[in-house]
Amino acid sequence: MCNYKKVTAVETYPVRHLVLRAGKTIETCVFDGDNLLSTQHFACFDGEISIGVVSVFDNELEIFSGKNQFQLRGMAVLDHYQKKGIGNQLILCAEDYIKTQKGNLIWFNARIIAVPFYEKLGYQKTGNSFDIGDIGAHFIMFKEL
């Protein structure tokens, strides 16, 4: 059902918008660093329709000093396609890419509702929950590769 490939930042915005920024302007889907050469974006397609996306940023977080770190952002799968393994495959795709870049730690800010999904994939929470603007409560999660 799903074909995975690298895409541009702009190609991630429709899915980011529907899943992560519903009711907000499309501009809220643009992340700092989206267009850096070191940033990679991956999407899953059902035919010609993008149904899931994830972005990989070469970005360090101080609490993980000494690691070759990468940050995941904009992980989103359209509602109708959730719970079908697409999110798992997107994460594995991102992990495979990070390994090719000699990355040894992945981190991200996870919405509280998504924490169990990431824990099943071997990610751990660190620290306390915190709010991100008008988006809601999150945890920092990470995994060593």
N, C-alpha and C. Protein backbone atom coordinates (compact mmCIF):
# COMPACT_ATOMS: atom_id res chain seq x y z
N MET A 1 0.81 -1.20 0.00
CA MET A 1 0.00 0.00 0.00
C MET A 1 0.85 1.26 0.00
N CYS A 2 2.03 1.20 0.62
CA CYS A 2 2.78 2.42 0.88
C CYS A 2 4.15 2.39 0.21
N ASN A 3 4.46 3.44 -0.51
CA ASN A 3 5.78 3.62 -1.08
C ASN A 3 6.44 4.79 -0.36
N TYR A 4 7.68 4.57 0.12
CA TYR A 4 8.40 5.60 0.87
C TYR A 4 9.45 6.22 -0.02
N LYS A 5 9.58 7.55 0.08
CA LYS A 5 10.63 8.22 -0.67
C LYS A 5 10.98 9.55 -0.03
N LYS A 6 12.16 10.07 -0.40
CA LYS A 6 12.56 11.40 0.04
C LYS A 6 11.70 12.42 -0.69
N VAL A 7 11.35 13.48 0.03
CA VAL A 7 10.55 14.56 -0.55
C VAL A 7 11.12 15.89 -0.09
N THR A 8 10.57 16.97 -0.60
CA THR A 8 10.98 18.31 -0.16
C THR A 8 10.17 18.70 1.07
N ALA A 9 10.63 19.73 1.75
CA ALA A 9 9.90 20.23 2.92
C ALA A 9 8.47 20.61 2.54
N VAL A 10 8.31 21.31 1.44
CA VAL A 10 6.98 21.76 1.01
C VAL A 10 6.03 20.58 0.83
N GLU A 11 6.55 19.45 0.38
CA GLU A 11 5.70 18.29 0.17
C GLU A 11 5.21 17.67 1.48
N THR A 12 5.83 18.02 2.60
CA THR A 12 5.36 17.51 3.89
C THR A 12 4.24 18.36 4.47
N TYR A 13 4.11 19.59 4.02
CA TYR A 13 3.19 20.53 4.66
C TYR A 13 1.72 20.10 4.65
N PRO A 14 1.18 19.55 3.57
CA PRO A 14 -0.24 19.16 3.62
C PRO A 14 -0.56 18.15 4.72
N VAL A 15 0.31 17.14 4.91
CA VAL A 15 0.06 16.15 5.95
C VAL A 15 0.32 16.76 7.32
N ARG A 16 1.42 17.50 7.47
CA ARG A 16 1.68 18.19 8.74
C ARG A 16 0.48 19.04 9.13
N HIS A 17 -0.07 19.75 8.15
CA HIS A 17 -1.18 20.67 8.42
C HIS A 17 -2.41 19.93 8.91
N LEU A 18 -2.81 18.89 8.21
CA LEU A 18 -4.01 18.15 8.58
C LEU A 18 -3.89 17.44 9.93
N VAL A 19 -2.72 16.90 10.22
CA VAL A 19 -2.55 16.08 11.43
C VAL A 19 -2.05 16.89 12.62
N LEU A 20 -1.06 17.74 12.39
CA LEU A 20 -0.40 18.41 13.51
C LEU A 20 -0.84 19.85 13.74
N ARG A 21 -1.39 20.49 12.74
CA ARG A 21 -1.73 21.92 12.85
C ARG A 21 -3.15 22.21 12.36
N ALA A 22 -4.07 21.27 12.54
CA ALA A 22 -5.45 21.47 12.09
C ALA A 22 -6.03 22.74 12.71
N GLY A 23 -6.69 23.53 11.89
CA GLY A 23 -7.28 24.78 12.36
C GLY A 23 -6.34 25.95 12.41
N LYS A 24 -5.07 25.71 12.12
CA LYS A 24 -4.08 26.79 12.10
C LYS A 24 -3.70 27.08 10.64
N THR A 25 -2.97 28.12 10.43
CA THR A 25 -2.55 28.46 9.08
C THR A 25 -1.48 27.48 8.58
N ILE A 26 -1.37 27.34 7.28
CA ILE A 26 -0.37 26.44 6.69
C ILE A 26 1.04 26.89 7.05
N GLU A 27 1.23 28.18 7.31
CA GLU A 27 2.55 28.68 7.68
C GLU A 27 3.07 28.07 8.97
N THR A 28 2.17 27.59 9.84
CA THR A 28 2.61 26.96 11.08
C THR A 28 3.26 25.61 10.84
N CYS A 29 3.19 25.12 9.61
CA CYS A 29 3.80 23.84 9.25
C CYS A 29 5.24 23.98 8.79
N VAL A 30 5.71 25.20 8.68
CA VAL A 30 7.08 25.47 8.27
C VAL A 30 7.95 25.49 9.52
N PHE A 31 8.96 24.61 9.55
CA PHE A 31 9.85 24.52 10.72
C PHE A 31 11.20 25.16 10.39
N ASP A 32 11.81 25.78 11.40
CA ASP A 32 13.18 26.29 11.24
C ASP A 32 14.07 25.13 10.82
N GLY A 33 14.86 25.34 9.79
CA GLY A 33 15.78 24.30 9.33
C GLY A 33 15.20 23.37 8.29
N ASP A 34 13.93 23.53 7.92
CA ASP A 34 13.31 22.66 6.92
C ASP A 34 14.10 22.58 5.61
N ASN A 35 14.69 23.70 5.22
CA ASN A 35 15.34 23.75 3.91
C ASN A 35 16.86 23.68 3.96
N LEU A 36 17.40 23.31 5.12
CA LEU A 36 18.85 23.11 5.19
C LEU A 36 19.24 21.86 4.40
N LEU A 37 20.43 21.87 3.83
CA LEU A 37 20.90 20.70 3.09
C LEU A 37 21.02 19.47 3.98
N SER A 38 21.24 19.68 5.27
CA SER A 38 21.40 18.57 6.21
C SER A 38 20.07 17.97 6.65
N THR A 39 18.96 18.61 6.32
CA THR A 39 17.63 18.12 6.70
C THR A 39 17.07 17.24 5.60
N GLN A 40 16.50 16.12 6.00
CA GLN A 40 15.88 15.19 5.05
C GLN A 40 14.42 14.98 5.42
N HIS A 41 13.59 14.85 4.41
CA HIS A 41 12.16 14.64 4.61
C HIS A 41 11.77 13.36 3.89
N PHE A 42 10.93 12.56 4.55
CA PHE A 42 10.46 11.30 3.99
C PHE A 42 8.94 11.27 4.02
N ALA A 43 8.36 10.68 3.00
CA ALA A 43 6.90 10.56 2.93
C ALA A 43 6.53 9.16 2.48
N CYS A 44 5.35 8.77 2.89
CA CYS A 44 4.74 7.51 2.47
C CYS A 44 3.59 7.87 1.55
N PHE A 45 3.50 7.16 0.45
CA PHE A 45 2.46 7.45 -0.54
C PHE A 45 1.55 6.26 -0.75
N ASP A 46 0.27 6.54 -0.87
CA ASP A 46 -0.72 5.57 -1.34
C ASP A 46 -1.06 6.05 -2.74
N GLY A 47 -0.48 5.41 -3.73
CA GLY A 47 -0.59 5.92 -5.10
C GLY A 47 0.17 7.22 -5.20
N GLU A 48 -0.53 8.28 -5.58
CA GLU A 48 0.09 9.60 -5.71
C GLU A 48 -0.16 10.47 -4.48
N ILE A 49 -0.88 9.95 -3.49
CA ILE A 49 -1.28 10.74 -2.34
C ILE A 49 -0.33 10.51 -1.17
N SER A 50 0.23 11.61 -0.65
CA SER A 50 1.09 11.54 0.52
C SER A 50 0.20 11.31 1.74
N ILE A 51 0.50 10.23 2.49
CA ILE A 51 -0.35 9.87 3.62
C ILE A 51 0.40 9.90 4.96
N GLY A 52 1.72 10.03 4.92
CA GLY A 52 2.50 10.11 6.14
C GLY A 52 3.84 10.76 5.87
N VAL A 53 4.35 11.50 6.84
CA VAL A 53 5.62 12.22 6.67
C VAL A 53 6.42 12.22 7.96
N VAL A 54 7.71 12.36 7.82
CA VAL A 54 8.62 12.60 8.94
C VAL A 54 9.83 13.35 8.41
N SER A 55 10.37 14.24 9.24
CA SER A 55 11.55 15.01 8.86
C SER A 55 12.68 14.73 9.85
N VAL A 56 13.90 14.70 9.32
CA VAL A 56 15.09 14.41 10.11
C VAL A 56 16.01 15.63 10.06
N PHE A 57 16.30 16.17 11.23
CA PHE A 57 17.15 17.36 11.35
C PHE A 57 18.45 16.98 12.05
N ASP A 58 19.56 17.48 11.54
CA ASP A 58 20.86 17.35 12.20
C ASP A 58 20.87 18.41 13.29
N ASN A 59 20.47 18.02 14.51
CA ASN A 59 20.25 19.00 15.56
C ASN A 59 20.57 18.38 16.91
N GLU A 60 21.34 19.11 17.73
CA GLU A 60 21.74 18.61 19.03
C GLU A 60 20.91 19.23 20.14
N LEU A 61 20.68 18.44 21.18
CA LEU A 61 20.04 18.90 22.40
C LEU A 61 21.07 18.74 23.51
N GLU A 62 21.28 19.80 24.30
CA GLU A 62 22.36 19.84 25.30
C GLU A 62 22.37 18.65 26.25
N ILE A 63 21.21 18.15 26.63
CA ILE A 63 21.17 17.06 27.62
C ILE A 63 21.78 15.76 27.11
N PHE A 64 22.01 15.66 25.81
CA PHE A 64 22.60 14.47 25.21
C PHE A 64 24.00 14.76 24.68
N SER A 65 24.79 15.50 25.40
CA SER A 65 26.11 15.91 24.92
C SER A 65 26.97 14.70 24.55
N GLY A 66 27.83 14.92 23.57
CA GLY A 66 28.78 13.89 23.18
C GLY A 66 28.23 12.86 22.21
N LYS A 67 27.07 13.08 21.71
CA LYS A 67 26.46 12.14 20.77
C LYS A 67 26.30 12.80 19.41
N ASN A 68 26.31 11.99 18.35
CA ASN A 68 25.99 12.48 17.01
C ASN A 68 24.47 12.40 16.89
N GLN A 69 23.81 13.52 17.17
CA GLN A 69 22.37 13.56 17.37
C GLN A 69 21.59 14.00 16.14
N PHE A 70 20.40 13.45 16.02
CA PHE A 70 19.45 13.88 15.01
C PHE A 70 18.08 14.02 15.67
N GLN A 71 17.33 15.01 15.20
CA GLN A 71 16.00 15.27 15.74
C GLN A 71 14.95 14.91 14.69
N LEU A 72 13.90 14.21 15.14
CA LEU A 72 12.74 13.97 14.29
C LEU A 72 11.73 15.08 14.55
N ARG A 73 11.10 15.54 13.47
CA ARG A 73 10.05 16.55 13.60
C ARG A 73 8.98 16.25 12.56
N GLY A 74 7.79 16.74 12.84
CA GLY A 74 6.72 16.66 11.86
C GLY A 74 6.26 15.25 11.55
N MET A 75 6.41 14.33 12.48
CA MET A 75 5.94 12.96 12.25
C MET A 75 4.42 12.97 12.23
N ALA A 76 3.83 12.56 11.11
CA ALA A 76 2.38 12.61 10.98
C ALA A 76 1.89 11.60 9.95
N VAL A 77 0.78 10.94 10.28
CA VAL A 77 0.10 10.02 9.37
C VAL A 77 -1.37 10.43 9.34
N LEU A 78 -1.93 10.56 8.15
CA LEU A 78 -3.33 10.94 8.03
C LEU A 78 -4.22 9.98 8.84
N ASP A 79 -5.23 10.52 9.47
CA ASP A 79 -6.09 9.75 10.38
C ASP A 79 -6.56 8.43 9.79
N HIS A 80 -7.03 8.45 8.58
CA HIS A 80 -7.59 7.25 7.94
C HIS A 80 -6.56 6.13 7.79
N TYR A 81 -5.28 6.48 7.79
CA TYR A 81 -4.20 5.51 7.58
C TYR A 81 -3.48 5.12 8.87
N GLN A 82 -3.88 5.70 10.00
CA GLN A 82 -3.23 5.38 11.26
C GLN A 82 -3.56 3.97 11.72
N LYS A 83 -2.68 3.42 12.54
CA LYS A 83 -2.81 2.07 13.10
C LYS A 83 -2.73 0.98 12.03
N LYS A 84 -1.97 1.27 10.97
CA LYS A 84 -1.75 0.30 9.89
C LYS A 84 -0.27 0.05 9.65
N GLY A 85 0.58 0.49 10.58
CA GLY A 85 2.02 0.26 10.47
C GLY A 85 2.78 1.30 9.68
N ILE A 86 2.10 2.31 9.16
CA ILE A 86 2.76 3.33 8.34
C ILE A 86 3.70 4.19 9.19
N GLY A 87 3.24 4.59 10.38
CA GLY A 87 4.10 5.37 11.27
C GLY A 87 5.35 4.60 11.66
N ASN A 88 5.17 3.31 11.96
CA ASN A 88 6.34 2.47 12.29
C ASN A 88 7.34 2.48 11.15
N GLN A 89 6.85 2.30 9.94
CA GLN A 89 7.73 2.25 8.78
C GLN A 89 8.42 3.59 8.54
N LEU A 90 7.72 4.70 8.77
CA LEU A 90 8.35 6.01 8.63
C LEU A 90 9.47 6.18 9.64
N ILE A 91 9.24 5.75 10.87
CA ILE A 91 10.29 5.86 11.90
C ILE A 91 11.49 4.99 11.52
N LEU A 92 11.24 3.77 11.07
CA LEU A 92 12.34 2.89 10.65
C LEU A 92 13.09 3.48 9.47
N CYS A 93 12.39 4.10 8.55
CA CYS A 93 13.03 4.78 7.41
C CYS A 93 13.95 5.89 7.92
N ALA A 94 13.45 6.70 8.87
CA ALA A 94 14.26 7.78 9.44
C ALA A 94 15.47 7.21 10.17
N GLU A 95 15.26 6.15 10.94
CA GLU A 95 16.38 5.53 11.67
C GLU A 95 17.43 5.01 10.71
N ASP A 96 17.01 4.36 9.64
CA ASP A 96 17.96 3.85 8.65
C ASP A 96 18.78 4.98 8.06
N TYR A 97 18.13 6.09 7.71
CA TYR A 97 18.84 7.24 7.17
C TYR A 97 19.86 7.76 8.20
N ILE A 98 19.43 7.90 9.45
CA ILE A 98 20.31 8.43 10.50
C ILE A 98 21.54 7.53 10.68
N LYS A 99 21.35 6.24 10.59
CA LYS A 99 22.48 5.31 10.69
C LYS A 99 23.48 5.55 9.56
N THR A 100 22.99 5.87 8.36
CA THR A 100 23.91 6.14 7.24
C THR A 100 24.71 7.41 7.47
N GLN A 101 24.20 8.28 8.34
CA GLN A 101 24.88 9.53 8.67
C GLN A 101 25.73 9.41 9.93
N LYS A 102 25.91 8.16 10.39
CA LYS A 102 26.70 7.87 11.59
C LYS A 102 26.08 8.46 12.85
N GLY A 103 24.78 8.68 12.82
CA GLY A 103 24.07 9.16 14.01
C GLY A 103 23.97 8.06 15.04
N ASN A 104 24.07 8.44 16.30
CA ASN A 104 23.93 7.43 17.35
C ASN A 104 22.88 7.78 18.39
N LEU A 105 22.16 8.88 18.17
CA LEU A 105 21.06 9.23 19.06
C LEU A 105 19.99 9.99 18.28
N ILE A 106 18.75 9.61 18.50
CA ILE A 106 17.60 10.29 17.92
C ILE A 106 16.79 10.86 19.07
N TRP A 107 16.34 12.09 18.93
CA TRP A 107 15.50 12.70 19.95
C TRP A 107 14.39 13.50 19.28
N PHE A 108 13.35 13.76 20.04
CA PHE A 108 12.23 14.57 19.53
C PHE A 108 11.31 14.95 20.68
N ASN A 109 10.43 15.89 20.39
CA ASN A 109 9.38 16.28 21.32
C ASN A 109 8.13 15.52 20.91
N ALA A 110 7.62 14.67 21.79
CA ALA A 110 6.45 13.85 21.48
C ALA A 110 5.22 14.35 22.22
N ARG A 111 4.13 14.46 21.50
CA ARG A 111 2.86 14.77 22.17
C ARG A 111 2.56 13.63 23.13
N ILE A 112 1.95 13.96 24.24
CA ILE A 112 1.68 12.94 25.27
C ILE A 112 0.88 11.78 24.67
N ILE A 113 -0.07 12.07 23.81
CA ILE A 113 -0.90 11.02 23.22
C ILE A 113 -0.07 10.04 22.38
N ALA A 114 1.08 10.49 21.88
CA ALA A 114 1.91 9.65 21.01
C ALA A 114 2.99 8.87 21.77
N VAL A 115 3.17 9.14 23.05
CA VAL A 115 4.24 8.49 23.83
C VAL A 115 4.17 6.97 23.75
N PRO A 116 3.01 6.33 23.93
CA PRO A 116 2.98 4.85 23.84
C PRO A 116 3.42 4.32 22.48
N PHE A 117 3.09 5.01 21.41
CA PHE A 117 3.52 4.61 20.07
C PHE A 117 5.04 4.56 20.00
N TYR A 118 5.70 5.61 20.47
CA TYR A 118 7.16 5.67 20.41
C TYR A 118 7.81 4.68 21.38
N GLU A 119 7.20 4.47 22.54
CA GLU A 119 7.77 3.50 23.48
C GLU A 119 7.79 2.10 22.88
N LYS A 120 6.80 1.74 22.10
CA LYS A 120 6.77 0.43 21.43
C LYS A 120 7.92 0.28 20.45
N LEU A 121 8.46 1.40 19.98
CA LEU A 121 9.57 1.38 19.04
C LEU A 121 10.93 1.54 19.74
N GLY A 122 10.92 1.48 21.08
CA GLY A 122 12.17 1.51 21.83
C GLY A 122 12.62 2.88 22.30
N TYR A 123 11.78 3.90 22.15
CA TYR A 123 12.14 5.25 22.61
C TYR A 123 11.77 5.41 24.08
N GLN A 124 12.52 6.28 24.76
CA GLN A 124 12.30 6.52 26.19
C GLN A 124 12.03 8.00 26.43
N LYS A 125 11.23 8.28 27.44
CA LYS A 125 11.00 9.66 27.88
C LYS A 125 12.16 10.09 28.76
N THR A 126 12.43 11.37 28.77
CA THR A 126 13.38 11.94 29.71
C THR A 126 12.80 13.26 30.21
N GLY A 127 12.97 13.52 31.49
CA GLY A 127 12.48 14.76 32.07
C GLY A 127 10.97 14.78 32.26
N ASN A 128 10.47 15.95 32.59
CA ASN A 128 9.05 16.15 32.83
C ASN A 128 8.35 16.63 31.57
N SER A 129 7.03 16.53 31.55
CA SER A 129 6.28 17.05 30.41
C SER A 129 6.37 18.57 30.40
N PHE A 130 6.18 19.15 29.23
CA PHE A 130 6.23 20.60 29.06
C PHE A 130 5.26 20.98 27.94
N ASP A 131 4.82 22.22 27.95
CA ASP A 131 3.89 22.70 26.93
C ASP A 131 4.63 23.39 25.81
N ILE A 132 4.15 23.16 24.60
CA ILE A 132 4.64 23.88 23.43
C ILE A 132 3.48 24.76 22.95
N GLY A 133 3.63 26.05 23.19
CA GLY A 133 2.66 27.03 22.74
C GLY A 133 1.22 26.58 22.82
N ASP A 134 0.50 26.74 21.73
CA ASP A 134 -0.91 26.34 21.70
C ASP A 134 -1.08 24.94 21.11
N ILE A 135 0.00 24.15 21.14
CA ILE A 135 -0.05 22.78 20.60
C ILE A 135 -0.34 21.77 21.70
N GLY A 136 0.24 21.96 22.89
CA GLY A 136 -0.07 21.07 23.99
C GLY A 136 1.15 20.50 24.69
N ALA A 137 0.88 19.54 25.58
CA ALA A 137 1.91 18.93 26.42
C ALA A 137 2.73 17.91 25.63
N HIS A 138 4.03 17.91 25.90
CA HIS A 138 4.99 17.04 25.22
C HIS A 138 5.99 16.47 26.23
N PHE A 139 6.66 15.41 25.80
CA PHE A 139 7.83 14.88 26.49
C PHE A 139 8.98 14.85 25.49
N ILE A 140 10.20 15.03 25.99
CA ILE A 140 11.37 14.74 25.17
C ILE A 140 11.54 13.23 25.19
N MET A 141 11.70 12.64 24.02
CA MET A 141 11.94 11.20 23.91
C MET A 141 13.22 10.98 23.11
N PHE A 142 13.86 9.84 23.35
CA PHE A 142 15.12 9.58 22.67
C PHE A 142 15.34 8.08 22.52
N LYS A 143 16.28 7.76 21.65
CA LYS A 143 16.71 6.38 21.45
C LYS A 143 18.15 6.42 20.99
N GLU A 144 18.97 5.55 21.59
CA GLU A 144 20.35 5.41 21.12
C GLU A 144 20.39 4.32 20.07
N LEU A 145 21.14 4.58 19.01
CA LEU A 145 21.25 3.59 17.93
C LEU A 145 22.52 2.77 18.08
